[in-house]
């Protein structure tokens, strides 16, 4: 029987996603990637990351940076950015919200579906 990834009995790895690509979301994604990488027995070794702008998703995926918010600080190869919030969150066991408060309400219907 597969246990929930939060039950303490990890018979499967948990999938993590991050919603938000601004300054807070970028830092959260970096920290989450370190935690996921340090615990491969608990977490699937890829983090889906929703960002609003296609050019930012391309920079993250191709150059492994988010120069607007993090300069040239390298991003983990575990981070896979996309611009379709529903697709990014699909299958995630843990969804880390890193959006400004005024945008959270608009994103909830997408995440609920």
C-alpha atoms as a PDB file:
ATOM      1  CA  UNK A   1       0.000   0.000   0.000  1.00  0.00           C
ATOM      2  CA  UNK A   2       1.310   3.432  -0.941  1.00  0.00           C
ATOM      3  CA  UNK A   3       1.453   5.817   1.978  1.00  0.00           C
ATOM      4  CA  UNK A   4       0.989   9.544   1.796  1.00  0.00           C
ATOM      5  CA  UNK A   5       4.288  11.335   1.444  1.00  0.00           C
ATOM      6  CA  UNK A   6       3.528  13.087   4.734  1.00  0.00           C
ATOM      7  CA  UNK A   7       2.832   9.919   6.710  1.00  0.00           C
ATOM      8  CA  UNK A   8       6.419   9.191   7.640  1.00  0.00           C
ATOM      9  CA  UNK A   9       6.457   5.870   5.767  1.00  0.00           C
ATOM     10  CA  UNK A  10       7.876   6.690   2.371  1.00  0.00           C
ATOM     11  CA  UNK A  11       7.035   3.895  -0.053  1.00  0.00           C
ATOM     12  CA  UNK A  12       6.914   6.416  -2.874  1.00  0.00           C
ATOM     13  CA  UNK A  13       8.606   9.721  -3.486  1.00  0.00           C
ATOM     14  CA  UNK A  14       6.651  12.936  -3.133  1.00  0.00           C
ATOM     15  CA  UNK A  15       6.373  15.358  -6.033  1.00  0.00           C
ATOM     16  CA  UNK A  16       6.958  19.035  -5.255  1.00  0.00           C
ATOM     17  CA  UNK A  17       5.938  22.105  -7.217  1.00  0.00           C
ATOM     18  CA  UNK A  18       6.578  25.808  -6.632  1.00  0.00           C
ATOM     19  CA  UNK A  19       4.105  28.463  -7.765  1.00  0.00           C
ATOM     20  CA  UNK A  20       5.690  31.869  -8.327  1.00  0.00           C
ATOM     21  CA  UNK A  21       8.776  33.112 -10.135  1.00  0.00           C
ATOM     22  CA  UNK A  22       9.385  36.498  -8.552  1.00  0.00           C
ATOM     23  CA  UNK A  23      12.039  37.255  -5.969  1.00  0.00           C
ATOM     24  CA  UNK A  24      10.385  35.221  -3.198  1.00  0.00           C
ATOM     25  CA  UNK A  25       9.438  32.336  -5.507  1.00  0.00           C
ATOM     26  CA  UNK A  26      12.960  32.163  -6.899  1.00  0.00           C
ATOM     27  CA  UNK A  27      14.547  31.911  -3.470  1.00  0.00           C
ATOM     28  CA  UNK A  28      11.940  29.388  -2.333  1.00  0.00           C
ATOM     29  CA  UNK A  29      12.586  27.268  -5.441  1.00  0.00           C
ATOM     30  CA  UNK A  30      16.343  27.259  -4.753  1.00  0.00           C
ATOM     31  CA  UNK A  31      15.827  26.246  -1.126  1.00  0.00           C
ATOM     32  CA  UNK A  32      13.264  23.585  -2.066  1.00  0.00           C
ATOM     33  CA  UNK A  33      15.656  22.122  -4.631  1.00  0.00           C
ATOM     34  CA  UNK A  34      18.367  21.768  -1.987  1.00  0.00           C
ATOM     35  CA  UNK A  35      15.970  20.001   0.354  1.00  0.00           C
ATOM     36  CA  UNK A  36      14.644  17.703  -2.358  1.00  0.00           C
ATOM     37  CA  UNK A  37      18.145  16.825  -3.544  1.00  0.00           C
ATOM     38  CA  UNK A  38      19.274  16.076   0.026  1.00  0.00           C
ATOM     39  CA  UNK A  39      16.356  13.668   0.559  1.00  0.00           C
ATOM     40  CA  UNK A  40      16.015  11.453  -2.527  1.00  0.00           C
ATOM     41  CA  UNK A  41      14.334   8.715  -0.500  1.00  0.00           C
ATOM     42  CA  UNK A  42      11.445  11.106   0.217  1.00  0.00           C
ATOM     43  CA  UNK A  43      11.203  13.331  -2.863  1.00  0.00           C
ATOM     44  CA  UNK A  44      10.969  12.860  -6.614  1.00  0.00           C
ATOM     45  CA  UNK A  45      14.122  14.438  -8.015  1.00  0.00           C
ATOM     46  CA  UNK A  46      12.392  17.088 -10.107  1.00  0.00           C
ATOM     47  CA  UNK A  47      10.525  20.200  -9.007  1.00  0.00           C
ATOM     48  CA  UNK A  48       7.948  21.674 -11.348  1.00  0.00           C
ATOM     49  CA  UNK A  49       8.079  25.468 -11.095  1.00  0.00           C
ATOM     50  CA  UNK A  50       5.374  27.801 -12.399  1.00  0.00           C
ATOM     51  CA  UNK A  51       6.486  31.197 -13.669  1.00  0.00           C
ATOM     52  CA  UNK A  52       4.303  33.695 -15.503  1.00  0.00           C
ATOM     53  CA  UNK A  53       6.588  34.725 -18.368  1.00  0.00           C
ATOM     54  CA  UNK A  54       7.671  32.298 -21.126  1.00  0.00           C
ATOM     55  CA  UNK A  55      11.033  34.038 -21.505  1.00  0.00           C
ATOM     56  CA  UNK A  56      11.760  33.481 -17.812  1.00  0.00           C
ATOM     57  CA  UNK A  57      10.828  29.800 -18.078  1.00  0.00           C
ATOM     58  CA  UNK A  58      13.244  29.510 -21.020  1.00  0.00           C
ATOM     59  CA  UNK A  59      16.048  31.224 -19.079  1.00  0.00           C
ATOM     60  CA  UNK A  60      15.520  28.951 -16.076  1.00  0.00           C
ATOM     61  CA  UNK A  61      15.433  25.773 -18.167  1.00  0.00           C
ATOM     62  CA  UNK A  62      18.219  26.638 -20.592  1.00  0.00           C
ATOM     63  CA  UNK A  63      20.651  28.831 -18.645  1.00  0.00           C
ATOM     64  CA  UNK A  64      19.789  27.636 -15.109  1.00  0.00           C
ATOM     65  CA  UNK A  65      19.479  31.256 -13.888  1.00  0.00           C
ATOM     66  CA  UNK A  66      16.820  33.843 -13.017  1.00  0.00           C
ATOM     67  CA  UNK A  67      18.933  36.918 -13.673  1.00  0.00           C
ATOM     68  CA  UNK A  68      16.220  39.469 -12.851  1.00  0.00           C
ATOM     69  CA  UNK A  69      15.899  38.280  -9.253  1.00  0.00           C
ATOM     70  CA  UNK A  70      18.985  36.171  -8.492  1.00  0.00           C
ATOM     71  CA  UNK A  71      21.693  37.609 -10.735  1.00  0.00           C
ATOM     72  CA  UNK A  72      23.937  34.823 -11.944  1.00  0.00           C
ATOM     73  CA  UNK A  73      23.291  32.546  -8.949  1.00  0.00           C
ATOM     74  CA  UNK A  74      22.983  29.061 -10.425  1.00  0.00           C
ATOM     75  CA  UNK A  75      19.707  27.172 -10.219  1.00  0.00           C
ATOM     76  CA  UNK A  76      19.486  23.456  -9.590  1.00  0.00           C
ATOM     77  CA  UNK A  77      18.956  21.186 -12.583  1.00  0.00           C
ATOM     78  CA  UNK A  78      16.090  19.680 -10.551  1.00  0.00           C
ATOM     79  CA  UNK A  79      14.025  22.806 -11.311  1.00  0.00           C
ATOM     80  CA  UNK A  80      11.852  22.566 -14.438  1.00  0.00           C
ATOM     81  CA  UNK A  81       9.984  25.795 -15.196  1.00  0.00           C
ATOM     82  CA  UNK A  82       6.710  26.062 -17.065  1.00  0.00           C
ATOM     83  CA  UNK A  83       4.007  28.641 -17.686  1.00  0.00           C
ATOM     84  CA  UNK A  84       0.912  26.409 -17.451  1.00  0.00           C
ATOM     85  CA  UNK A  85      -0.015  26.460 -13.765  1.00  0.00           C
ATOM     86  CA  UNK A  86      -2.379  23.512 -14.027  1.00  0.00           C
ATOM     87  CA  UNK A  87       0.236  21.370 -15.718  1.00  0.00           C
ATOM     88  CA  UNK A  88       2.955  22.372 -13.252  1.00  0.00           C
ATOM     89  CA  UNK A  89       0.780  21.513 -10.259  1.00  0.00           C
ATOM     90  CA  UNK A  90      -0.618  18.306 -11.750  1.00  0.00           C
ATOM     91  CA  UNK A  91       0.501  15.303  -9.738  1.00  0.00           C
ATOM     92  CA  UNK A  92       2.213  17.362  -7.037  1.00  0.00           C
ATOM     93  CA  UNK A  93       1.930  16.099  -3.471  1.00  0.00           C
ATOM     94  CA  UNK A  94       3.428  19.311  -2.073  1.00  0.00           C
ATOM     95  CA  UNK A  95       2.635  22.679  -3.649  1.00  0.00           C
ATOM     96  CA  UNK A  96       4.614  25.635  -2.328  1.00  0.00           C
ATOM     97  CA  UNK A  97       2.823  28.926  -2.917  1.00  0.00           C
ATOM     98  CA  UNK A  98       5.241  31.815  -3.405  1.00  0.00           C
ATOM     99  CA  UNK A  99       2.978  34.445  -4.907  1.00  0.00           C
ATOM    100  CA  UNK A 100       2.172  37.962  -3.740  1.00  0.00           C
ATOM    101  CA  UNK A 101      -1.004  37.868  -1.658  1.00  0.00           C
ATOM    102  CA  UNK A 102      -3.095  39.742  -4.219  1.00  0.00           C
ATOM    103  CA  UNK A 103      -2.572  36.929  -6.779  1.00  0.00           C
ATOM    104  CA  UNK A 104      -3.213  33.911  -4.563  1.00  0.00           C
ATOM    105  CA  UNK A 105      -7.005  34.052  -4.862  1.00  0.00           C
ATOM    106  CA  UNK A 106      -6.903  34.076  -8.670  1.00  0.00           C
ATOM    107  CA  UNK A 107      -4.620  31.028  -8.742  1.00  0.00           C
ATOM    108  CA  UNK A 108      -6.664  28.817  -6.404  1.00  0.00           C
ATOM    109  CA  UNK A 109      -9.317  27.694  -8.937  1.00  0.00           C
ATOM    110  CA  UNK A 110      -6.579  26.507 -11.296  1.00  0.00           C
ATOM    111  CA  UNK A 111      -4.825  24.621  -8.520  1.00  0.00           C
ATOM    112  CA  UNK A 112      -8.092  23.142  -7.258  1.00  0.00           C
ATOM    113  CA  UNK A 113      -8.846  21.538 -10.626  1.00  0.00           C
END
